[in-house]
PDB file of all heavy atoms in Angstrom:
ATOM      1  N   PRO A   1      16.984  -7.825   5.399  1.00  0.00           N
ATOM      2  CA  PRO A   1      16.786  -8.922   4.440  1.00  0.00           C
ATOM      3  C   PRO A   1      15.371  -9.489   4.445  1.00  0.00           C
ATOM      4  O   PRO A   1      14.973 -10.189   3.509  1.00  0.00           O
ATOM      5  CB  PRO A   1      17.806  -9.983   4.892  1.00  0.00           C
ATOM      6  CG  PRO A   1      18.079  -9.671   6.331  1.00  0.00           C
ATOM      7  CD  PRO A   1      17.953  -8.179   6.456  1.00  0.00           C
ATOM      8  N   ASN A   2      14.588  -9.186   5.491  1.00  0.00           N
ATOM      9  CA  ASN A   2      13.217  -9.705   5.576  1.00  0.00           C
ATOM     10  C   ASN A   2      12.177  -8.750   5.001  1.00  0.00           C
ATOM     11  O   ASN A   2      10.985  -9.073   4.996  1.00  0.00           O
ATOM     12  CB  ASN A   2      12.864  -9.995   7.041  1.00  0.00           C
ATOM     13  CG  ASN A   2      13.777 -11.049   7.653  1.00  0.00           C
ATOM     14  OD1 ASN A   2      14.048 -12.073   7.031  1.00  0.00           O
ATOM     15  ND2 ASN A   2      14.256 -10.787   8.856  1.00  0.00           N
ATOM     16  N   PHE A   3      12.611  -7.580   4.528  1.00  0.00           N
ATOM     17  CA  PHE A   3      11.649  -6.552   4.122  1.00  0.00           C
ATOM     18  C   PHE A   3      10.780  -7.008   2.943  1.00  0.00           C
ATOM     19  O   PHE A   3       9.558  -6.826   2.960  1.00  0.00           O
ATOM     20  CB  PHE A   3      12.370  -5.259   3.766  1.00  0.00           C
ATOM     21  CG  PHE A   3      11.435  -4.137   3.395  1.00  0.00           C
ATOM     22  CD1 PHE A   3      10.733  -3.450   4.374  1.00  0.00           C
ATOM     23  CD2 PHE A   3      11.234  -3.785   2.070  1.00  0.00           C
ATOM     24  CE1 PHE A   3       9.856  -2.432   4.044  1.00  0.00           C
ATOM     25  CE2 PHE A   3      10.357  -2.768   1.731  1.00  0.00           C
ATOM     26  CZ  PHE A   3       9.678  -2.090   2.716  1.00  0.00           C
ATOM     27  N   VAL A   4      11.380  -7.604   1.930  1.00  0.00           N
ATOM     28  CA  VAL A   4      10.622  -8.011   0.738  1.00  0.00           C
ATOM     29  C   VAL A   4       9.589  -9.078   1.111  1.00  0.00           C
ATOM     30  O   VAL A   4       8.426  -9.008   0.677  1.00  0.00           O
ATOM     31  CB  VAL A   4      11.577  -8.524  -0.356  1.00  0.00           C
ATOM     32  CG1 VAL A   4      10.781  -9.083  -1.539  1.00  0.00           C
ATOM     33  CG2 VAL A   4      12.486  -7.396  -0.836  1.00  0.00           C
ATOM     34  N   ASP A   5      10.003 -10.038   1.921  1.00  0.00           N
ATOM     35  CA  ASP A   5       9.057 -11.074   2.353  1.00  0.00           C
ATOM     36  C   ASP A   5       7.914 -10.470   3.172  1.00  0.00           C
ATOM     37  O   ASP A   5       6.756 -10.906   3.063  1.00  0.00           O
ATOM     38  CB  ASP A   5       9.783 -12.127   3.193  1.00  0.00           C
ATOM     39  CG  ASP A   5      10.724 -12.983   2.362  1.00  0.00           C
ATOM     40  OD1 ASP A   5      10.551 -13.031   1.129  1.00  0.00           O
ATOM     41  OD2 ASP A   5      11.645 -13.586   2.943  1.00  0.00           O
ATOM     42  N   GLN A   6       8.230  -9.455   3.988  1.00  0.00           N
ATOM     43  CA  GLN A   6       7.192  -8.825   4.800  1.00  0.00           C
ATOM     44  C   GLN A   6       6.199  -8.065   3.930  1.00  0.00           C
ATOM     45  O   GLN A   6       4.984  -8.053   4.209  1.00  0.00           O
ATOM     46  CB  GLN A   6       7.815  -7.888   5.827  1.00  0.00           C
ATOM     47  CG  GLN A   6       6.845  -7.366   6.868  1.00  0.00           C
ATOM     48  CD  GLN A   6       6.234  -8.457   7.723  1.00  0.00           C
ATOM     49  OE1 GLN A   6       6.918  -9.088   8.513  1.00  0.00           O
ATOM     50  NE2 GLN A   6       4.939  -8.692   7.551  1.00  0.00           N
ATOM     51  N   LEU A   7       6.693  -7.420   2.882  1.00  0.00           N
ATOM     52  CA  LEU A   7       5.801  -6.756   1.922  1.00  0.00           C
ATOM     53  C   LEU A   7       4.801  -7.759   1.342  1.00  0.00           C
ATOM     54  O   LEU A   7       3.593  -7.506   1.299  1.00  0.00           O
ATOM     55  CB  LEU A   7       6.622  -6.148   0.786  1.00  0.00           C
ATOM     56  CG  LEU A   7       7.048  -4.684   0.855  1.00  0.00           C
ATOM     57  CD1 LEU A   7       7.898  -4.341  -0.362  1.00  0.00           C
ATOM     58  CD2 LEU A   7       5.853  -3.752   0.922  1.00  0.00           C
ATOM     59  N   ALA A   8       5.326  -8.889   0.883  1.00  0.00           N
ATOM     60  CA  ALA A   8       4.469  -9.911   0.283  1.00  0.00           C
ATOM     61  C   ALA A   8       3.479 -10.459   1.311  1.00  0.00           C
ATOM     62  O   ALA A   8       2.314 -10.741   0.983  1.00  0.00           O
ATOM     63  CB  ALA A   8       5.333 -11.037  -0.284  1.00  0.00           C
ATOM     64  N   GLU A   9       3.923 -10.604   2.566  1.00  0.00           N
ATOM     65  CA  GLU A   9       3.045 -11.120   3.612  1.00  0.00           C
ATOM     66  C   GLU A   9       1.910 -10.151   3.920  1.00  0.00           C
ATOM     67  O   GLU A   9       0.745 -10.560   4.072  1.00  0.00           O
ATOM     68  CB  GLU A   9       3.866 -11.404   4.873  1.00  0.00           C
ATOM     69  CG  GLU A   9       3.067 -11.971   6.033  1.00  0.00           C
ATOM     70  CD  GLU A   9       2.501 -13.362   5.778  1.00  0.00           C
ATOM     71  OE1 GLU A   9       2.842 -13.972   4.736  1.00  0.00           O
ATOM     72  OE2 GLU A   9       1.709 -13.836   6.608  1.00  0.00           O
ATOM     73  N   PHE A  10       2.210  -8.861   4.008  1.00  0.00           N
ATOM     74  CA  PHE A  10       1.156  -7.868   4.235  1.00  0.00           C
ATOM     75  C   PHE A  10       0.144  -7.881   3.083  1.00  0.00           C
ATOM     76  O   PHE A  10      -1.070  -7.751   3.303  1.00  0.00           O
ATOM     77  CB  PHE A  10       1.756  -6.473   4.391  1.00  0.00           C
ATOM     78  CG  PHE A  10       2.399  -6.209   5.731  1.00  0.00           C
ATOM     79  CD1 PHE A  10       3.454  -5.314   5.853  1.00  0.00           C
ATOM     80  CD2 PHE A  10       1.944  -6.838   6.879  1.00  0.00           C
ATOM     81  CE1 PHE A  10       4.052  -5.065   7.085  1.00  0.00           C
ATOM     82  CE2 PHE A  10       2.524  -6.602   8.118  1.00  0.00           C
ATOM     83  CZ  PHE A  10       3.586  -5.714   8.220  1.00  0.00           C
ATOM     84  N   ALA A  11       0.655  -8.019   1.862  1.00  0.00           N
ATOM     85  CA  ALA A  11      -0.248  -8.062   0.699  1.00  0.00           C
ATOM     86  C   ALA A  11      -1.177  -9.269   0.781  1.00  0.00           C
ATOM     87  O   ALA A  11      -2.365  -9.173   0.438  1.00  0.00           O
ATOM     88  CB  ALA A  11       0.574  -8.114  -0.586  1.00  0.00           C
ATOM     89  N   ARG A  12      -0.654 -10.418   1.254  1.00  0.00           N
ATOM     90  CA  ARG A  12      -1.470 -11.624   1.378  1.00  0.00           C
ATOM     91  C   ARG A  12      -2.515 -11.462   2.486  1.00  0.00           C
ATOM     92  O   ARG A  12      -3.698 -11.767   2.289  1.00  0.00           O
ATOM     93  CB  ARG A  12      -0.566 -12.821   1.674  1.00  0.00           C
ATOM     94  CG  ARG A  12      -1.310 -14.158   1.748  1.00  0.00           C
ATOM     95  CD  ARG A  12      -0.427 -15.257   2.296  1.00  0.00           C
ATOM     96  NE  ARG A  12      -0.059 -15.033   3.683  1.00  0.00           N
ATOM     97  CZ  ARG A  12      -0.864 -15.278   4.717  1.00  0.00           C
ATOM     98  NH1 ARG A  12      -2.103 -15.737   4.519  1.00  0.00           N
ATOM     99  NH2 ARG A  12      -0.453 -15.042   5.951  1.00  0.00           N
ATOM    100  N   ILE A  13      -2.075 -10.961   3.649  1.00  0.00           N
ATOM    101  CA  ILE A  13      -2.984 -10.833   4.796  1.00  0.00           C
ATOM    102  C   ILE A  13      -4.130  -9.874   4.493  1.00  0.00           C
ATOM    103  O   ILE A  13      -5.303 -10.166   4.800  1.00  0.00           O
ATOM    104  CB  ILE A  13      -2.202 -10.344   6.034  1.00  0.00           C
ATOM    105  CG1 ILE A  13      -1.223 -11.415   6.511  1.00  0.00           C
ATOM    106  CG2 ILE A  13      -3.166  -9.963   7.167  1.00  0.00           C
ATOM    107  CD1 ILE A  13      -0.278 -10.935   7.597  1.00  0.00           C
ATOM    108  N   TYR A  14      -3.817  -8.741   3.870  1.00  0.00           N
ATOM    109  CA  TYR A  14      -4.834  -7.699   3.673  1.00  0.00           C
ATOM    110  C   TYR A  14      -5.429  -7.713   2.263  1.00  0.00           C
ATOM    111  O   TYR A  14      -6.254  -6.855   1.934  1.00  0.00           O
ATOM    112  CB  TYR A  14      -4.235  -6.324   3.994  1.00  0.00           C
ATOM    113  CG  TYR A  14      -3.848  -6.209   5.458  1.00  0.00           C
ATOM    114  CD1 TYR A  14      -2.513  -6.301   5.854  1.00  0.00           C
ATOM    115  CD2 TYR A  14      -4.816  -6.079   6.444  1.00  0.00           C
ATOM    116  CE1 TYR A  14      -2.157  -6.230   7.192  1.00  0.00           C
ATOM    117  CE2 TYR A  14      -4.473  -6.013   7.790  1.00  0.00           C
ATOM    118  CZ  TYR A  14      -3.141  -6.091   8.154  1.00  0.00           C
ATOM    119  OH  TYR A  14      -2.798  -6.031   9.487  1.00  0.00           O
ATOM    120  N   GLU A  15      -4.996  -8.683   1.442  1.00  0.00           N
ATOM    121  CA  GLU A  15      -5.534  -8.857   0.088  1.00  0.00           C
ATOM    122  C   GLU A  15      -5.440  -7.561  -0.718  1.00  0.00           C
ATOM    123  O   GLU A  15      -6.411  -7.084  -1.309  1.00  0.00           O
ATOM    124  CB  GLU A  15      -6.995  -9.345   0.164  1.00  0.00           C
ATOM    125  CG  GLU A  15      -7.136 -10.670   0.902  1.00  0.00           C
ATOM    126  CD  GLU A  15      -8.601 -11.093   1.014  1.00  0.00           C
ATOM    127  OE1 GLU A  15      -9.466 -10.196   1.180  1.00  0.00           O
ATOM    128  OE2 GLU A  15      -8.887 -12.296   0.940  1.00  0.00           O
ATOM    129  N   VAL A  16      -4.231  -6.997  -0.724  1.00  0.00           N
ATOM    130  CA  VAL A  16      -3.975  -5.744  -1.434  1.00  0.00           C
ATOM    131  C   VAL A  16      -3.077  -6.014  -2.629  1.00  0.00           C
ATOM    132  O   VAL A  16      -2.050  -6.699  -2.509  1.00  0.00           O
ATOM    133  CB  VAL A  16      -3.306  -4.713  -0.495  1.00  0.00           C
ATOM    134  CG1 VAL A  16      -2.830  -3.489  -1.276  1.00  0.00           C
ATOM    135  CG2 VAL A  16      -4.281  -4.292   0.603  1.00  0.00           C
ATOM    136  N   ASP A  17      -3.471  -5.516  -3.778  1.00  0.00           N
ATOM    137  CA  ASP A  17      -2.640  -5.596  -4.979  1.00  0.00           C
ATOM    138  C   ASP A  17      -1.402  -4.717  -4.764  1.00  0.00           C
ATOM    139  O   ASP A  17      -1.529  -3.516  -4.511  1.00  0.00           O
ATOM    140  CB  ASP A  17      -3.448  -5.099  -6.176  1.00  0.00           C
ATOM    141  CG  ASP A  17      -2.702  -5.266  -7.500  1.00  0.00           C
ATOM    142  OD1 ASP A  17      -1.464  -5.455  -7.480  1.00  0.00           O
ATOM    143  OD2 ASP A  17      -3.364  -5.183  -8.555  1.00  0.00           O
ATOM    144  N   LEU A  18      -0.220  -5.321  -4.850  1.00  0.00           N
ATOM    145  CA  LEU A  18       1.009  -4.563  -4.572  1.00  0.00           C
ATOM    146  C   LEU A  18       1.259  -3.439  -5.572  1.00  0.00           C
ATOM    147  O   LEU A  18       2.083  -2.562  -5.328  1.00  0.00           O
ATOM    148  CB  LEU A  18       2.205  -5.520  -4.528  1.00  0.00           C
ATOM    149  CG  LEU A  18       2.326  -6.314  -3.216  1.00  0.00           C
ATOM    150  CD1 LEU A  18       3.357  -7.413  -3.338  1.00  0.00           C
ATOM    151  CD2 LEU A  18       2.671  -5.384  -2.067  1.00  0.00           C
ATOM    152  N   ARG A  19       0.531  -3.454  -6.679  1.00  0.00           N
ATOM    153  CA  ARG A  19       0.640  -2.319  -7.607  1.00  0.00           C
ATOM    154  C   ARG A  19      -0.003  -1.061  -7.030  1.00  0.00           C
ATOM    155  O   ARG A  19       0.175   0.031  -7.567  1.00  0.00           O
ATOM    156  CB  ARG A  19      -0.004  -2.679  -8.950  1.00  0.00           C
ATOM    157  CG  ARG A  19       0.783  -3.714  -9.751  1.00  0.00           C
ATOM    158  CD  ARG A  19       0.041  -4.149 -10.993  1.00  0.00           C
ATOM    159  NE  ARG A  19      -1.219  -4.824 -10.661  1.00  0.00           N
ATOM    160  CZ  ARG A  19      -2.066  -5.309 -11.576  1.00  0.00           C
ATOM    161  NH1 ARG A  19      -1.785  -5.185 -12.869  1.00  0.00           N
ATOM    162  NH2 ARG A  19      -3.179  -5.915 -11.203  1.00  0.00           N
ATOM    163  N   ARG A  20      -0.739  -1.232  -5.923  1.00  0.00           N
ATOM    164  CA  ARG A  20      -1.346  -0.087  -5.232  1.00  0.00           C
ATOM    165  C   ARG A  20      -0.425   0.502  -4.164  1.00  0.00           C
ATOM    166  O   ARG A  20      -0.833   1.422  -3.447  1.00  0.00           O
ATOM    167  CB  ARG A  20      -2.664  -0.517  -4.568  1.00  0.00           C
ATOM    168  CG  ARG A  20      -3.715  -1.045  -5.528  1.00  0.00           C
ATOM    169  CD  ARG A  20      -4.272   0.060  -6.383  1.00  0.00           C
ATOM    170  NE  ARG A  20      -5.262  -0.437  -7.330  1.00  0.00           N
ATOM    171  CZ  ARG A  20      -5.784   0.289  -8.316  1.00  0.00           C
ATOM    172  NH1 ARG A  20      -5.396   1.545  -8.444  1.00  0.00           N
ATOM    173  NH2 ARG A  20      -6.664  -0.219  -9.141  1.00  0.00           N
ATOM    174  N   ILE A  21       0.787  -0.023  -4.049  1.00  0.00           N
ATOM    175  CA  ILE A  21       1.724   0.433  -3.023  1.00  0.00           C
ATOM    176  C   ILE A  21       2.973   1.023  -3.679  1.00  0.00           C
ATOM    177  O   ILE A  21       3.501   0.464  -4.642  1.00  0.00           O
ATOM    178  CB  ILE A  21       2.136  -0.724  -2.088  1.00  0.00           C
ATOM    179  CG1 ILE A  21       0.907  -1.335  -1.410  1.00  0.00           C
ATOM    180  CG2 ILE A  21       3.157  -0.256  -1.055  1.00  0.00           C
ATOM    181  CD1 ILE A  21       0.167  -0.394  -0.466  1.00  0.00           C
ATOM    182  N   GLU A  22       3.417   2.148  -3.135  1.00  0.00           N
ATOM    183  CA  GLU A  22       4.659   2.775  -3.597  1.00  0.00           C
ATOM    184  C   GLU A  22       5.561   3.013  -2.389  1.00  0.00           C
ATOM    185  O   GLU A  22       5.102   3.477  -1.341  1.00  0.00           O
ATOM    186  CB  GLU A  22       4.375   4.103  -4.299  1.00  0.00           C
ATOM    187  CG  GLU A  22       5.622   4.800  -4.830  1.00  0.00           C
ATOM    188  CD  GLU A  22       5.275   6.035  -5.645  1.00  0.00           C
ATOM    189  OE1 GLU A  22       4.758   7.008  -5.059  1.00  0.00           O
ATOM    190  OE2 GLU A  22       5.507   6.018  -6.879  1.00  0.00           O
ATOM    191  N   ILE A  23       6.828   2.665  -2.533  1.00  0.00           N
ATOM    192  CA  ILE A  23       7.821   2.880  -1.488  1.00  0.00           C
ATOM    193  C   ILE A  23       8.621   4.135  -1.826  1.00  0.00           C
ATOM    194  O   ILE A  23       9.117   4.284  -2.944  1.00  0.00           O
ATOM    195  CB  ILE A  23       8.767   1.668  -1.372  1.00  0.00           C
ATOM    196  CG1 ILE A  23       7.996   0.423  -0.937  1.00  0.00           C
ATOM    197  CG2 ILE A  23       9.916   1.969  -0.417  1.00  0.00           C
ATOM    198  CD1 ILE A  23       7.390   0.522   0.436  1.00  0.00           C
ATOM    199  N   GLU A  24       8.744   5.054  -0.861  1.00  0.00           N
ATOM    200  CA  GLU A  24       9.530   6.268  -1.065  1.00  0.00           C
ATOM    201  C   GLU A  24      10.812   6.188  -0.245  1.00  0.00           C
ATOM    202  O   GLU A  24      10.787   5.850   0.936  1.00  0.00           O
ATOM    203  CB  GLU A  24       8.734   7.508  -0.642  1.00  0.00           C
ATOM    204  CG  GLU A  24       7.508   7.770  -1.487  1.00  0.00           C
ATOM    205  CD  GLU A  24       6.844   9.098  -1.142  1.00  0.00           C
ATOM    206  OE1 GLU A  24       7.448   9.878  -0.375  1.00  0.00           O
ATOM    207  OE2 GLU A  24       5.728   9.342  -1.634  1.00  0.00           O
ATOM    208  N   LEU A  25      11.940   6.498  -0.881  1.00  0.00           N
ATOM    209  CA  LEU A  25      13.200   6.591  -0.163  1.00  0.00           C
ATOM    210  C   LEU A  25      13.873   7.905  -0.510  1.00  0.00           C
ATOM    211  O   LEU A  25      13.607   8.500  -1.561  1.00  0.00           O
ATOM    212  CB  LEU A  25      14.130   5.422  -0.484  1.00  0.00           C
ATOM    213  CG  LEU A  25      14.610   5.252  -1.922  1.00  0.00           C
ATOM    214  CD1 LEU A  25      15.966   4.546  -1.926  1.00  0.00           C
ATOM    215  CD2 LEU A  25      13.620   4.404  -2.721  1.00  0.00           C
ATOM    216  N   THR A  26      14.734   8.374   0.375  1.00  0.00           N
ATOM    217  CA  THR A  26      15.382   9.668   0.169  1.00  0.00           C
ATOM    218  C   THR A  26      16.626   9.516  -0.696  1.00  0.00           C
ATOM    219  O   THR A  26      17.189   8.429  -0.825  1.00  0.00           O
ATOM    220  CB  THR A  26      15.772  10.299   1.513  1.00  0.00           C
ATOM    221  OG1 THR A  26      16.579   9.382   2.248  1.00  0.00           O
ATOM    222  CG2 THR A  26      14.525  10.642   2.323  1.00  0.00           C
ATOM    223  N   GLU A  27      17.060  10.647  -1.256  1.00  0.00           N
ATOM    224  CA  GLU A  27      18.207  10.632  -2.156  1.00  0.00           C
ATOM    225  C   GLU A  27      19.487  10.170  -1.482  1.00  0.00           C
ATOM    226  O   GLU A  27      20.323   9.542  -2.112  1.00  0.00           O
ATOM    227  CB  GLU A  27      18.435  12.043  -2.722  1.00  0.00           C
ATOM    228  CG  GLU A  27      17.700  12.291  -4.002  1.00  0.00           C
ATOM    229  CD  GLU A  27      18.198  13.553  -4.669  1.00  0.00           C
ATOM    230  OE1 GLU A  27      18.421  14.557  -3.979  1.00  0.00           O
ATOM    231  OE2 GLU A  27      18.368  13.522  -5.890  1.00  0.00           O
ATOM    232  N   ASP A  28      19.666  10.489  -0.208  1.00  0.00           N
ATOM    233  CA  ASP A  28      20.910  10.105   0.441  1.00  0.00           C
ATOM    234  C   ASP A  28      21.051   8.590   0.506  1.00  0.00           C
ATOM    235  O   ASP A  28      22.157   8.054   0.419  1.00  0.00           O
ATOM    236  CB  ASP A  28      21.007  10.716   1.846  1.00  0.00           C
ATOM    237  CG  ASP A  28      19.856  10.323   2.733  1.00  0.00           C
ATOM    238  OD1 ASP A  28      18.736  10.175   2.217  1.00  0.00           O
ATOM    239  OD2 ASP A  28      20.064  10.170   3.945  1.00  0.00           O
ATOM    240  N   VAL A  29      19.916   7.875   0.620  1.00  0.00           N
ATOM    241  CA  VAL A  29      19.959   6.412   0.609  1.00  0.00           C
ATOM    242  C   VAL A  29      20.285   5.910  -0.789  1.00  0.00           C
ATOM    243  O   VAL A  29      21.132   5.038  -0.982  1.00  0.00           O
ATOM    244  CB  VAL A  29      18.626   5.822   1.094  1.00  0.00           C
ATOM    245  CG1 VAL A  29      18.626   4.303   0.963  1.00  0.00           C
ATOM    246  CG2 VAL A  29      18.360   6.225   2.529  1.00  0.00           C
ATOM    247  N   ALA A  30      19.624   6.480  -1.789  1.00  0.00           N
ATOM    248  CA  ALA A  30      19.885   6.074  -3.170  1.00  0.00           C
ATOM    249  C   ALA A  30      21.324   6.370  -3.574  1.00  0.00           C
ATOM    250  O   ALA A  30      21.936   5.633  -4.340  1.00  0.00           O
ATOM    251  CB  ALA A  30      18.919   6.791  -4.114  1.00  0.00           C
ATOM    252  N   LEU A  31      21.863   7.468  -3.031  1.00  0.00           N
ATOM    253  CA  LEU A  31      23.213   7.899  -3.380  1.00  0.00           C
ATOM    254  C   LEU A  31      24.255   6.871  -2.971  1.00  0.00           C
ATOM    255  O   LEU A  31      25.300   6.744  -3.610  1.00  0.00           O
ATOM    256  CB  LEU A  31      23.519   9.242  -2.715  1.00  0.00           C
ATOM    257  CG  LEU A  31      24.841   9.932  -3.066  1.00  0.00           C
ATOM    258  CD1 LEU A  31      24.874  10.306  -4.534  1.00  0.00           C
ATOM    259  CD2 LEU A  31      25.038  11.159  -2.194  1.00  0.00           C
TER     260      LEU A  31
END
């Protein structure tokens, strides 16, 4: 449940536009 907040926190700390980040997950998780 903390993953989304952590993403936003990393973006703030390192001043990275989140449009420059892509998350990859495997099909078994999506399934």
